[in-house]
Protein backbone atom coordinates (compact mmCIF):
# COMPACT_ATOMS: atom_id res chain seq x y z
CA MET A 1 44.43 79.81 -51.48
CA GLU A 2 43.53 75.91 -52.32
CA LEU A 3 43.33 72.99 -49.05
CA ARG A 4 45.32 71.44 -50.27
CA HIS A 5 48.00 73.92 -49.64
CA LEU A 6 46.67 74.57 -46.37
CA ARG A 7 46.65 70.67 -45.57
CA TYR A 8 50.63 70.82 -46.07
CA PHE A 9 51.49 73.93 -44.37
CA ALA A 10 49.36 72.09 -41.24
CA ALA A 11 51.67 69.06 -41.33
CA VAL A 12 54.35 71.35 -41.67
CA ALA A 13 53.67 73.24 -39.03
CA GLU A 14 53.28 71.04 -37.04
CA THR A 15 56.25 68.18 -37.34
CA CYS A 16 58.27 71.40 -38.36
CA HIS A 17 59.99 68.62 -40.96
CA PHE A 18 59.40 68.87 -44.41
CA GLY A 19 60.62 65.22 -45.01
CA GLN A 20 57.87 63.87 -41.26
CA ALA A 21 55.09 66.57 -42.62
CA ALA A 22 55.54 64.46 -46.37
CA ASP A 23 55.35 61.02 -45.00
CA GLN A 24 52.64 61.71 -42.43
CA LEU A 25 50.89 62.90 -45.94
CA HIS A 26 51.82 60.29 -48.99
CA VAL A 27 53.25 62.90 -50.76
CA ALA A 28 56.95 62.93 -52.55
CA GLN A 29 59.37 66.06 -50.14
CA PRO A 30 59.75 67.45 -53.32
CA ALA A 31 55.91 68.11 -54.66
CA LEU A 32 55.55 69.65 -50.55
CA SER A 33 58.11 71.81 -50.79
CA TYR A 34 56.62 73.19 -54.19
CA ALA A 35 53.62 73.08 -52.83
CA ILE A 36 54.92 75.40 -49.31
CA ARG A 37 56.33 78.19 -51.75
CA GLN A 38 53.10 78.34 -54.13
CA LEU A 39 51.51 79.41 -51.12
CA GLU A 40 54.42 81.53 -49.64
CA ALA A 41 54.47 83.35 -52.84
CA GLU A 42 50.31 83.64 -53.19
CA LEU A 43 50.44 85.63 -49.65
CA ASP A 44 53.92 87.35 -50.47
CA VAL A 45 54.77 86.00 -46.60
CA THR A 46 57.68 83.65 -45.90
CA LEU A 47 55.91 81.23 -43.68
CA PHE A 48 58.62 79.28 -42.05
CA ASN A 49 62.29 80.18 -41.59
CA ARG A 50 64.83 77.29 -42.82
CA THR A 51 67.66 76.25 -42.55
CA THR A 52 70.32 73.30 -42.61
CA ARG A 53 69.47 71.70 -39.80
CA GLN A 54 65.58 73.15 -38.87
CA VAL A 55 62.19 74.30 -39.43
CA SER A 56 60.59 76.90 -37.62
CA LEU A 57 56.96 78.81 -38.10
CA THR A 58 57.26 82.77 -38.69
CA ALA A 59 55.31 85.53 -37.24
CA ALA A 60 53.00 85.38 -40.22
CA GLY A 61 53.02 81.24 -39.74
CA GLU A 62 52.56 80.79 -36.34
CA PHE A 63 49.20 83.24 -36.97
CA LEU A 64 48.41 81.24 -40.82
CA ARG A 65 48.52 77.93 -38.05
CA GLY A 66 45.69 79.58 -35.94
CA GLU A 67 44.34 80.33 -38.29
CA THR A 68 44.31 76.87 -40.54
CA ASP A 69 42.93 74.75 -37.44
CA ARG A 70 39.83 76.87 -37.70
CA ILE A 71 39.94 76.78 -41.51
CA LEU A 72 40.55 72.77 -41.44
CA GLY A 73 38.61 72.72 -38.57
CA GLY A 74 35.18 74.08 -39.61
CA VAL A 75 35.95 71.66 -43.35
CA ASP A 76 35.87 68.76 -41.88
CA GLY A 77 32.96 69.58 -39.48
CA ALA A 78 30.90 70.49 -42.48
CA VAL A 79 32.17 67.36 -44.01
CA ARG A 80 31.08 65.38 -41.14
CA GLY A 81 27.70 66.81 -40.82
CA VAL A 82 26.26 66.86 -45.13
CA ARG A 83 27.24 62.99 -44.38
CA ARG A 84 24.98 62.50 -41.08
CA ILE A 85 22.67 64.59 -43.11
CA ALA A 86 22.69 62.82 -46.11
CA ALA A 87 22.42 59.47 -43.86
CA GLY A 88 19.86 60.54 -42.44
CA ARG A 89 20.89 61.06 -39.31
CA THR A 90 21.09 64.88 -38.31
CA GLY A 91 17.89 66.90 -39.30
CA LEU A 92 14.87 67.92 -38.34
CA MET A 93 11.41 65.75 -38.34
CA ARG A 94 8.06 67.35 -37.79
CA LEU A 95 5.92 64.60 -36.61
CA GLY A 96 2.03 64.31 -36.01
CA LEU A 97 0.12 62.15 -33.31
CA THR A 98 -3.23 61.36 -33.03
CA GLY A 99 -4.59 61.90 -30.01
CA THR A 100 -3.85 58.82 -28.69
CA ALA A 101 -1.43 57.88 -29.40
CA THR A 102 -0.05 61.34 -27.71
CA PHE A 103 -0.25 60.20 -24.70
CA SER A 104 0.23 56.45 -25.86
CA HIS A 105 3.28 56.17 -28.56
CA LEU A 106 5.11 59.92 -28.27
CA PRO A 107 6.98 59.17 -25.21
CA ARG A 108 8.30 55.93 -26.80
CA ILE A 109 8.96 57.69 -30.19
CA ALA A 110 10.58 60.44 -28.41
CA ARG A 111 12.65 57.84 -26.48
CA MET A 112 13.99 55.12 -29.76
CA VAL A 113 14.60 58.59 -32.17
CA LYS A 114 17.43 60.42 -29.14
CA ALA A 115 18.62 56.29 -28.51
CA GLU A 116 19.02 55.83 -31.93
CA LEU A 117 19.28 59.46 -33.81
CA PRO A 118 20.60 61.68 -31.17
CA GLY A 119 21.46 64.47 -34.01
CA VAL A 120 17.31 64.23 -34.76
CA ALA A 121 15.04 67.00 -33.79
CA LEU A 122 12.10 65.90 -33.44
CA GLU A 123 8.82 68.80 -34.14
CA ILE A 124 5.52 67.62 -32.54
CA HIS A 125 1.54 68.59 -33.82
CA ALA A 126 -0.30 66.63 -31.44
CA ASP A 127 -3.56 65.85 -31.60
CA MET A 128 -4.11 65.60 -35.19
CA LEU A 129 -6.78 63.59 -36.73
CA THR A 130 -5.90 61.46 -39.77
CA PRO A 131 -7.39 63.87 -42.83
CA VAL A 132 -5.48 66.37 -41.35
CA GLN A 133 -2.07 64.76 -40.85
CA CYS A 134 -2.89 63.13 -44.53
CA GLU A 135 -3.48 66.69 -46.11
CA ARG A 136 -0.16 68.01 -44.38
CA LEU A 137 1.70 65.25 -45.25
CA ARG A 138 1.02 65.90 -48.87
CA THR A 139 1.87 69.46 -48.58
CA GLY A 140 4.99 68.80 -46.82
CA ALA A 141 4.26 70.41 -43.21
CA LEU A 142 4.45 67.07 -41.79
CA ASP A 143 7.46 64.11 -42.30
CA LEU A 144 5.69 61.41 -40.75
CA GLY A 145 2.22 60.75 -39.37
CA VAL A 146 0.83 58.79 -36.23
CA LEU A 147 -2.69 58.09 -37.63
CA ARG A 148 -5.42 55.58 -37.71
CA PRO A 149 -6.29 54.16 -41.05
CA PRO A 150 -7.57 54.53 -44.00
CA ALA A 151 -5.26 57.09 -45.10
CA VAL A 152 -7.06 60.27 -46.88
CA GLY A 153 -6.45 60.71 -50.35
CA ASP A 154 -4.02 59.88 -52.48
CA GLY A 155 -0.18 59.35 -52.14
CA ILE A 156 0.11 58.62 -48.36
CA ALA A 157 1.74 55.29 -47.31
CA LEU A 158 1.42 53.44 -44.17
CA GLN A 159 2.71 51.08 -42.14
CA THR A 160 1.13 49.37 -39.73
CA ILE A 161 2.25 49.89 -35.99
CA GLU A 162 0.24 47.72 -33.70
CA VAL A 163 -3.43 46.70 -33.69
CA GLU A 164 -4.90 47.96 -30.98
CA SER A 165 -7.91 46.39 -28.83
CA LEU A 166 -10.93 48.46 -28.21
CA VAL A 167 -11.95 48.77 -24.21
CA LEU A 168 -14.52 50.41 -22.91
CA ALA A 169 -14.42 53.38 -20.41
CA VAL A 170 -17.03 53.68 -17.16
CA ALA A 171 -16.96 55.68 -14.43
CA VAL A 172 -16.31 54.35 -10.56
CA ASP A 173 -19.99 54.10 -9.67
CA HIS A 174 -20.71 52.41 -13.13
CA ARG A 175 -22.81 49.21 -12.59
CA LEU A 176 -20.61 47.70 -15.13
CA SER A 177 -17.34 49.42 -12.88
CA VAL A 178 -17.36 45.42 -10.91
CA GLU A 179 -17.41 43.57 -14.34
CA PRO A 180 -13.78 42.26 -15.08
CA VAL A 181 -15.09 41.73 -18.97
CA VAL A 182 -18.21 43.33 -20.49
CA SER A 183 -19.91 42.55 -23.69
CA LEU A 184 -21.01 45.25 -25.71
CA SER A 185 -23.99 43.79 -26.19
CA ASP A 186 -24.46 44.65 -22.38
CA LEU A 187 -24.38 48.98 -23.82
CA HIS A 188 -27.23 48.87 -26.33
CA SER A 189 -29.33 51.29 -23.90
CA GLU A 190 -26.28 53.67 -22.26
CA PRO A 191 -25.89 57.11 -23.35
CA PHE A 192 -22.37 57.12 -25.14
CA VAL A 193 -19.34 59.95 -25.32
CA ALA A 194 -17.55 59.88 -28.65
CA TYR A 195 -15.20 62.23 -30.39
CA ALA A 196 -16.91 65.15 -31.95
CA SER A 197 -15.16 65.34 -35.21
CA ARG A 198 -17.24 63.39 -38.42
CA GLU A 199 -14.17 61.79 -39.66
CA SER A 200 -12.62 60.16 -36.22
CA ALA A 201 -11.26 56.36 -36.78
CA VAL A 202 -12.39 55.51 -33.82
CA ASN A 203 -16.35 56.61 -33.81
CA ASP A 204 -16.03 54.84 -37.29
CA ALA A 205 -14.73 51.80 -35.32
CA VAL A 206 -17.49 51.78 -32.30
CA LEU A 207 -19.78 52.58 -34.84
CA ARG A 208 -19.66 49.40 -37.03
CA ALA A 209 -18.99 47.00 -33.65
CA CYS A 210 -22.04 48.56 -32.18
CA ARG A 211 -23.95 47.38 -35.33
CA GLN A 212 -21.93 44.06 -35.28
CA ALA A 213 -23.72 43.47 -32.13
CA GLY A 214 -26.45 44.53 -32.91
CA PHE A 215 -28.01 48.37 -31.77
CA VAL A 216 -26.46 52.12 -32.86
CA PRO A 217 -24.92 53.86 -30.31
CA HIS A 218 -26.74 56.78 -28.87
CA ARG A 219 -24.19 59.76 -28.54
CA GLU A 220 -25.81 61.60 -25.36
CA TYR A 221 -22.22 64.32 -25.75
CA THR A 222 -19.16 64.84 -27.72
CA ALA A 223 -15.13 65.38 -26.74
CA PRO A 224 -13.24 67.43 -28.75
CA GLY A 225 -10.34 65.22 -27.61
CA THR A 226 -9.21 62.23 -25.48
CA ALA A 227 -8.90 64.29 -22.12
CA VAL A 228 -12.43 65.98 -22.04
CA LEU A 229 -13.98 62.41 -22.99
CA LEU A 230 -12.75 60.52 -19.83
CA ALA A 231 -13.71 63.62 -18.18
CA LEU A 232 -17.26 63.33 -19.39
CA VAL A 233 -17.26 59.69 -18.11
CA ALA A 234 -15.70 59.76 -14.93
CA ALA A 235 -18.39 63.10 -14.49
CA GLY A 236 -21.23 60.48 -15.12
CA LEU A 237 -22.60 61.59 -18.22
CA GLY A 238 -22.19 58.12 -20.08
CA VAL A 239 -19.33 55.22 -21.51
CA ALA A 240 -17.17 55.59 -23.57
CA VAL A 241 -15.31 52.62 -26.26
CA VAL A 242 -12.00 53.67 -26.54
CA PRO A 243 -8.33 52.12 -28.25
CA GLU A 244 -6.46 50.58 -25.25
CA SER A 245 -3.80 53.04 -25.73
CA VAL A 246 -6.03 55.57 -23.97
CA ARG A 247 -5.12 53.52 -20.54
CA ALA A 248 -2.21 55.59 -20.74
CA LEU A 249 -3.90 58.55 -19.57
CA PRO A 250 -5.45 57.97 -15.89
CA LEU A 251 -8.13 59.56 -14.88
CA ASP A 252 -9.44 59.64 -11.30
CA GLY A 253 -13.36 58.60 -11.48
CA VAL A 254 -12.69 56.20 -14.71
CA VAL A 255 -11.83 52.31 -14.78
CA PHE A 256 -11.30 50.09 -17.95
CA ARG A 257 -12.83 47.31 -19.30
CA GLU A 258 -12.32 44.57 -21.30
CA LEU A 259 -14.95 44.18 -24.11
CA LEU A 260 -15.60 40.96 -25.13
CA ASP A 261 -16.68 41.26 -29.00
CA ALA A 262 -15.87 45.45 -30.04
CA GLY A 263 -12.49 44.76 -32.13
CA THR A 264 -9.64 46.53 -32.62
CA ILE A 265 -8.70 49.59 -34.10
CA GLU A 266 -4.44 50.02 -35.73
CA LEU A 267 -2.74 52.16 -35.64
CA ALA A 268 -0.16 52.79 -38.49
CA LEU A 269 3.04 55.37 -39.28
CA ALA A 270 2.57 57.78 -42.31
CA ARG A 271 4.60 59.40 -44.85
CA ARG A 272 4.57 60.74 -48.53
CA SER A 273 4.86 58.00 -51.33
CA ASP A 274 7.62 59.65 -53.03
CA GLU A 275 9.44 60.61 -49.45
CA ASN A 276 13.31 60.80 -50.25
CA ASN A 277 14.09 62.61 -47.06
CA PRO A 278 16.79 60.40 -45.64
CA VAL A 279 15.87 61.54 -41.88
CA VAL A 280 12.63 60.54 -42.46
CA GLU A 281 13.68 56.93 -43.39
CA SER A 282 16.01 56.64 -40.94
CA VAL A 283 13.86 57.40 -37.95
CA VAL A 284 10.91 55.02 -40.13
CA ALA A 285 13.70 52.16 -39.85
CA VAL A 286 14.39 52.72 -36.47
CA LEU A 287 10.77 53.07 -35.36
CA GLU A 288 10.07 50.18 -37.26
CA ALA A 289 12.51 47.59 -35.53
CA ALA A 290 11.57 48.19 -32.14
CA PHE A 291 7.85 48.20 -32.55
CA ARG A 292 8.75 44.91 -34.35
CA ARG A 293 10.47 43.80 -30.81
CA GLU A 294 8.21 45.38 -28.93
CA ALA A 295 5.64 42.96 -30.67
CA ALA A 296 8.00 39.55 -30.78
CA PRO A 297 6.89 36.90 -28.41
CA THR A 298 9.41 36.09 -25.00
CA GLY A 299 12.14 33.89 -26.49
CA ALA A 300 11.40 34.73 -30.22
CA GLN A 301 14.31 34.98 -32.41
CA PRO A 302 15.11 38.20 -34.36
């Protein structure tokens, strides 16, 4: 049984008129009649009662009409689904994010994907350092990462989506909390709270900035993640220099202050250099366009 025969049968069953069905299908009426006879012969049943005045479905034809609607509906749905997948409009996206990006960028990313690609489901892997994301991208455990450059190892393509200032986090009762702007050199004698991982891109950026300011920060405490780091700052155990996006995680007892000479740190989308998954391409295109719009000056033309 061919799908062509079922589509021909469905058209005749709908119109109960061979001539009208032939016009609807853009085929010659004799060819349509022959195809229906072939289908009846294959099934060894009569599907239509034919008289000189009318055509009507037999009981077998009525049953086949319901089954044909179901079959053709499934086929058409499969075709639409395959085309959406090939166009990157449907599928699963496994997304990794560094710790601070989970708070500052995940809500925006999820909102963008839902609005532009509602058929794409996100599987979130949060609080992942750059080296771990790069390794999981290479092995295929992740499809896309949001991380702090540089990439670790080969085969990873990066696209910068944001350049953030480094800011100071201090306890509300710290001597510098009343200053609207602080110089990095003012922190030379302060105990620091840093990230525990030796592979932290934020730690590296802070260390470079402090060395340029003429001192090496004294790391009094370390934290496994941003939430714990801010809690230690709130407790008065030290100060921290963090990406500006950490402001998205407010905590009682902590205030943020601008730093004059702390520099910046990048955030980037990361994917495999040889990536050919259309869903990844679609998500990256949506995110890059959205971040470009957000970064454009007010009134600028796209």
